Amino acid sequence: MRLTAEQIQAILDSVHDIAGSCAKVRVFGSRLQDDARGGDLDLLVELPEAVEHPARLSARLSARISRSMHGRSVDIVLLAPNLRRLPIHDIALREGRLL
């Protein structure tokens, strides 16, 4: 996985500050490929409770994590009981790595 310990901690700190300490984070996509270069950061944020404003939450998480990653593009996929589950969720759960 192409993330440093410091980057992982910054991601977890950001998610827990914004979404709560019960949120789980999985990285998926190209960042899991050690031989790849560049690319955005794809994160699945799993929440145990309903999310009232998912677009706002996703945007806040993306912006904060992007800043901590020196402007790297960050894509956030939310998984919560009140949100529709899509194929991307299954891919992220199956292939992603829990931080």
N, C-alpha and C. Protein backbone atom coordinates (compact mmCIF):
# COMPACT_ATOMS: atom_id res chain seq x y z
N MET A 1 0.85 -1.18 0.00
CA MET A 1 0.00 0.00 0.00
C MET A 1 0.89 1.24 0.00
N ARG A 2 0.55 2.19 -0.86
CA ARG A 2 1.38 3.37 -1.02
C ARG A 2 0.89 4.53 -0.14
N LEU A 3 0.95 4.31 1.17
CA LEU A 3 0.68 5.35 2.15
C LEU A 3 1.68 5.20 3.28
N THR A 4 2.19 6.32 3.76
CA THR A 4 3.10 6.27 4.89
C THR A 4 2.30 6.17 6.19
N ALA A 5 2.99 5.81 7.26
CA ALA A 5 2.33 5.76 8.57
C ALA A 5 1.76 7.12 8.95
N GLU A 6 2.47 8.18 8.60
CA GLU A 6 2.00 9.54 8.90
C GLU A 6 0.74 9.88 8.10
N GLN A 7 0.70 9.47 6.84
CA GLN A 7 -0.48 9.72 6.02
C GLN A 7 -1.68 8.93 6.54
N ILE A 8 -1.46 7.69 6.92
CA ILE A 8 -2.54 6.88 7.48
C ILE A 8 -3.09 7.54 8.74
N GLN A 9 -2.21 8.00 9.61
CA GLN A 9 -2.66 8.64 10.84
C GLN A 9 -3.43 9.93 10.55
N ALA A 10 -2.97 10.71 9.58
CA ALA A 10 -3.67 11.93 9.20
C ALA A 10 -5.07 11.63 8.65
N ILE A 11 -5.17 10.57 7.87
CA ILE A 11 -6.47 10.16 7.34
C ILE A 11 -7.40 9.76 8.48
N LEU A 12 -6.92 8.90 9.37
CA LEU A 12 -7.75 8.46 10.49
C LEU A 12 -8.15 9.62 11.40
N ASP A 13 -7.21 10.50 11.68
CA ASP A 13 -7.52 11.67 12.52
C ASP A 13 -8.60 12.53 11.87
N SER A 14 -8.48 12.76 10.58
CA SER A 14 -9.47 13.57 9.87
C SER A 14 -10.85 12.93 9.89
N VAL A 15 -10.90 11.65 9.58
CA VAL A 15 -12.19 10.95 9.56
C VAL A 15 -12.82 10.93 10.93
N HIS A 16 -12.04 10.63 11.95
CA HIS A 16 -12.60 10.57 13.30
C HIS A 16 -13.03 11.94 13.80
N ASP A 17 -12.29 12.99 13.45
CA ASP A 17 -12.68 14.35 13.84
C ASP A 17 -14.01 14.76 13.21
N ILE A 18 -14.20 14.41 11.95
CA ILE A 18 -15.37 14.87 11.20
C ILE A 18 -16.55 13.90 11.31
N ALA A 19 -16.28 12.60 11.20
CA ALA A 19 -17.36 11.61 11.13
C ALA A 19 -17.58 10.85 12.43
N GLY A 20 -16.70 11.00 13.39
CA GLY A 20 -16.85 10.31 14.66
C GLY A 20 -15.89 9.16 14.81
N SER A 21 -15.65 8.81 16.06
CA SER A 21 -14.63 7.79 16.37
C SER A 21 -15.04 6.38 15.99
N CYS A 22 -16.31 6.15 15.71
CA CYS A 22 -16.77 4.81 15.32
C CYS A 22 -16.61 4.54 13.82
N ALA A 23 -16.25 5.55 13.07
CA ALA A 23 -16.09 5.39 11.62
C ALA A 23 -14.89 4.49 11.31
N LYS A 24 -15.08 3.62 10.34
CA LYS A 24 -13.99 2.76 9.85
C LYS A 24 -13.59 3.27 8.47
N VAL A 25 -12.31 3.12 8.15
CA VAL A 25 -11.80 3.62 6.87
C VAL A 25 -11.07 2.49 6.15
N ARG A 26 -11.41 2.32 4.88
CA ARG A 26 -10.72 1.36 4.02
C ARG A 26 -10.16 2.11 2.82
N VAL A 27 -8.93 1.80 2.48
CA VAL A 27 -8.35 2.32 1.24
C VAL A 27 -8.52 1.25 0.18
N PHE A 28 -8.89 1.67 -1.02
CA PHE A 28 -9.04 0.73 -2.12
C PHE A 28 -8.57 1.40 -3.40
N GLY A 29 -8.51 0.65 -4.47
CA GLY A 29 -8.08 1.21 -5.74
C GLY A 29 -6.57 1.16 -5.92
N SER A 30 -6.07 2.09 -6.72
CA SER A 30 -4.67 2.06 -7.15
C SER A 30 -3.67 2.25 -6.02
N ARG A 31 -4.07 2.86 -4.92
CA ARG A 31 -3.13 3.05 -3.81
C ARG A 31 -2.70 1.74 -3.16
N LEU A 32 -3.41 0.67 -3.43
CA LEU A 32 -3.03 -0.63 -2.90
C LEU A 32 -1.96 -1.31 -3.73
N GLN A 33 -1.70 -0.79 -4.91
CA GLN A 33 -0.71 -1.39 -5.82
C GLN A 33 0.66 -0.74 -5.59
N ASP A 34 1.55 -1.50 -4.97
CA ASP A 34 2.87 -0.97 -4.62
C ASP A 34 3.69 -0.57 -5.83
N ASP A 35 3.47 -1.20 -6.98
CA ASP A 35 4.27 -0.91 -8.16
C ASP A 35 3.69 0.22 -9.01
N ALA A 36 2.53 0.74 -8.65
CA ALA A 36 1.92 1.85 -9.40
C ALA A 36 2.51 3.18 -8.94
N ARG A 37 2.20 4.23 -9.70
CA ARG A 37 2.68 5.57 -9.35
C ARG A 37 1.51 6.53 -9.49
N GLY A 38 1.56 7.59 -8.67
CA GLY A 38 0.55 8.63 -8.77
C GLY A 38 -0.83 8.12 -8.43
N GLY A 39 -1.83 8.77 -8.99
CA GLY A 39 -3.21 8.37 -8.78
C GLY A 39 -3.84 9.03 -7.57
N ASP A 40 -5.15 8.99 -7.56
CA ASP A 40 -5.88 9.58 -6.46
C ASP A 40 -5.94 8.59 -5.29
N LEU A 41 -6.58 9.02 -4.22
CA LEU A 41 -6.74 8.20 -3.03
C LEU A 41 -8.22 7.88 -2.92
N ASP A 42 -8.57 6.60 -2.96
CA ASP A 42 -9.95 6.15 -2.85
C ASP A 42 -10.17 5.59 -1.45
N LEU A 43 -11.15 6.15 -0.74
CA LEU A 43 -11.43 5.73 0.62
C LEU A 43 -12.89 5.37 0.78
N LEU A 44 -13.15 4.27 1.46
CA LEU A 44 -14.49 3.91 1.88
C LEU A 44 -14.58 4.24 3.36
N VAL A 45 -15.54 5.07 3.72
CA VAL A 45 -15.77 5.43 5.12
C VAL A 45 -17.07 4.76 5.55
N GLU A 46 -16.95 3.82 6.48
CA GLU A 46 -18.09 3.06 6.98
C GLU A 46 -18.59 3.68 8.27
N LEU A 47 -19.88 3.99 8.30
CA LEU A 47 -20.47 4.64 9.46
C LEU A 47 -21.58 3.77 10.04
N PRO A 48 -21.63 3.61 11.36
CA PRO A 48 -22.63 2.72 11.96
C PRO A 48 -24.03 3.33 12.03
N GLU A 49 -24.12 4.64 11.88
CA GLU A 49 -25.41 5.33 12.00
C GLU A 49 -25.73 6.10 10.73
N ALA A 50 -26.98 6.48 10.60
CA ALA A 50 -27.45 7.23 9.43
C ALA A 50 -26.70 8.55 9.29
N VAL A 51 -26.53 8.96 8.05
CA VAL A 51 -25.86 10.22 7.73
C VAL A 51 -26.91 11.19 7.19
N GLU A 52 -27.02 12.35 7.84
CA GLU A 52 -28.05 13.30 7.46
C GLU A 52 -27.73 14.03 6.15
N HIS A 53 -26.49 14.44 5.97
CA HIS A 53 -26.07 15.18 4.78
C HIS A 53 -24.84 14.51 4.17
N PRO A 54 -25.03 13.41 3.44
CA PRO A 54 -23.88 12.64 2.94
C PRO A 54 -22.98 13.42 1.99
N ALA A 55 -23.54 14.25 1.12
CA ALA A 55 -22.70 15.00 0.18
C ALA A 55 -21.81 15.98 0.94
N ARG A 56 -22.35 16.64 1.93
CA ARG A 56 -21.57 17.59 2.73
C ARG A 56 -20.47 16.86 3.50
N LEU A 57 -20.81 15.73 4.10
CA LEU A 57 -19.82 14.96 4.85
C LEU A 57 -18.70 14.48 3.94
N SER A 58 -19.06 13.96 2.79
CA SER A 58 -18.06 13.49 1.84
C SER A 58 -17.14 14.61 1.39
N ALA A 59 -17.71 15.77 1.10
CA ALA A 59 -16.90 16.92 0.66
C ALA A 59 -15.96 17.39 1.76
N ARG A 60 -16.45 17.45 3.00
CA ARG A 60 -15.59 17.87 4.11
C ARG A 60 -14.43 16.91 4.32
N LEU A 61 -14.73 15.61 4.27
CA LEU A 61 -13.68 14.61 4.43
C LEU A 61 -12.65 14.70 3.31
N SER A 62 -13.13 14.79 2.09
CA SER A 62 -12.24 14.87 0.94
C SER A 62 -11.32 16.09 1.02
N ALA A 63 -11.89 17.24 1.36
CA ALA A 63 -11.09 18.46 1.44
C ALA A 63 -10.03 18.38 2.54
N ARG A 64 -10.41 17.92 3.71
CA ARG A 64 -9.46 17.85 4.83
C ARG A 64 -8.35 16.87 4.53
N ILE A 65 -8.69 15.70 4.01
CA ILE A 65 -7.67 14.69 3.73
C ILE A 65 -6.78 15.13 2.58
N SER A 66 -7.37 15.76 1.57
CA SER A 66 -6.58 16.27 0.44
C SER A 66 -5.54 17.28 0.93
N ARG A 67 -5.93 18.16 1.82
CA ARG A 67 -4.97 19.13 2.37
C ARG A 67 -3.83 18.43 3.10
N SER A 68 -4.15 17.39 3.85
CA SER A 68 -3.11 16.68 4.60
C SER A 68 -2.21 15.87 3.67
N MET A 69 -2.68 15.61 2.45
CA MET A 69 -1.91 14.85 1.46
C MET A 69 -1.32 15.78 0.39
N HIS A 70 -1.16 17.05 0.73
CA HIS A 70 -0.53 18.04 -0.15
C HIS A 70 -1.25 18.19 -1.48
N GLY A 71 -2.59 18.19 -1.42
CA GLY A 71 -3.38 18.44 -2.61
C GLY A 71 -3.74 17.24 -3.45
N ARG A 72 -3.34 16.06 -3.01
CA ARG A 72 -3.69 14.83 -3.74
C ARG A 72 -5.21 14.71 -3.82
N SER A 73 -5.73 14.29 -4.95
CA SER A 73 -7.16 14.09 -5.13
C SER A 73 -7.63 12.93 -4.25
N VAL A 74 -8.73 13.15 -3.53
CA VAL A 74 -9.26 12.14 -2.62
C VAL A 74 -10.74 11.90 -2.95
N ASP A 75 -11.07 10.65 -3.23
CA ASP A 75 -12.45 10.26 -3.48
C ASP A 75 -12.98 9.51 -2.26
N ILE A 76 -14.12 9.98 -1.76
CA ILE A 76 -14.73 9.38 -0.58
C ILE A 76 -16.00 8.65 -1.00
N VAL A 77 -16.13 7.41 -0.56
CA VAL A 77 -17.36 6.64 -0.73
C VAL A 77 -17.87 6.36 0.68
N LEU A 78 -19.12 6.76 0.94
CA LEU A 78 -19.71 6.56 2.26
C LEU A 78 -20.58 5.31 2.27
N LEU A 79 -20.52 4.59 3.38
CA LEU A 79 -21.39 3.44 3.59
C LEU A 79 -22.04 3.62 4.95
N ALA A 80 -23.37 3.79 4.94
CA ALA A 80 -24.13 4.01 6.17
C ALA A 80 -25.49 3.32 6.01
N PRO A 81 -26.17 3.02 7.12
CA PRO A 81 -27.44 2.30 7.04
C PRO A 81 -28.51 2.97 6.17
N ASN A 82 -28.51 4.28 6.06
CA ASN A 82 -29.55 4.97 5.30
C ASN A 82 -29.15 5.27 3.86
N LEU A 83 -27.96 4.87 3.45
CA LEU A 83 -27.50 5.15 2.10
C LEU A 83 -27.62 3.91 1.23
N ARG A 84 -27.98 4.13 -0.02
CA ARG A 84 -28.12 3.02 -0.96
C ARG A 84 -26.78 2.36 -1.20
N ARG A 85 -26.76 1.05 -1.16
CA ARG A 85 -25.53 0.30 -1.40
C ARG A 85 -25.39 0.06 -2.90
N LEU A 86 -24.21 0.37 -3.41
CA LEU A 86 -23.90 0.27 -4.83
C LEU A 86 -22.78 -0.74 -5.05
N PRO A 87 -22.54 -1.16 -6.29
CA PRO A 87 -21.44 -2.09 -6.57
C PRO A 87 -20.08 -1.59 -6.08
N ILE A 88 -19.85 -0.28 -6.09
CA ILE A 88 -18.56 0.25 -5.62
C ILE A 88 -18.33 -0.08 -4.15
N HIS A 89 -19.40 -0.14 -3.38
CA HIS A 89 -19.27 -0.51 -1.96
C HIS A 89 -18.77 -1.95 -1.83
N ASP A 90 -19.34 -2.84 -2.64
CA ASP A 90 -18.92 -4.24 -2.60
C ASP A 90 -17.46 -4.40 -3.01
N ILE A 91 -17.05 -3.67 -4.03
CA ILE A 91 -15.65 -3.72 -4.47
C ILE A 91 -14.73 -3.23 -3.36
N ALA A 92 -15.08 -2.10 -2.76
CA ALA A 92 -14.24 -1.52 -1.70
C ALA A 92 -14.17 -2.45 -0.49
N LEU A 93 -15.28 -3.06 -0.13
CA LEU A 93 -15.27 -3.98 1.02
C LEU A 93 -14.47 -5.24 0.72
N ARG A 94 -14.58 -5.73 -0.50
CA ARG A 94 -13.90 -6.97 -0.88
C ARG A 94 -12.40 -6.76 -1.07
N GLU A 95 -12.03 -5.66 -1.76
CA GLU A 95 -10.63 -5.45 -2.14
C GLU A 95 -9.89 -4.47 -1.24
N GLY A 96 -10.63 -3.68 -0.47
CA GLY A 96 -10.01 -2.64 0.33
C GLY A 96 -9.27 -3.15 1.54
N ARG A 97 -8.43 -2.27 2.05
CA ARG A 97 -7.63 -2.60 3.25
C ARG A 97 -8.02 -1.65 4.36
N LEU A 98 -8.42 -2.21 5.49
CA LEU A 98 -8.82 -1.42 6.65
C LEU A 98 -7.62 -0.70 7.24
N LEU A 99 -7.80 0.59 7.47
CA LEU A 99 -6.71 1.38 8.09
C LEU A 99 -6.85 1.34 9.61
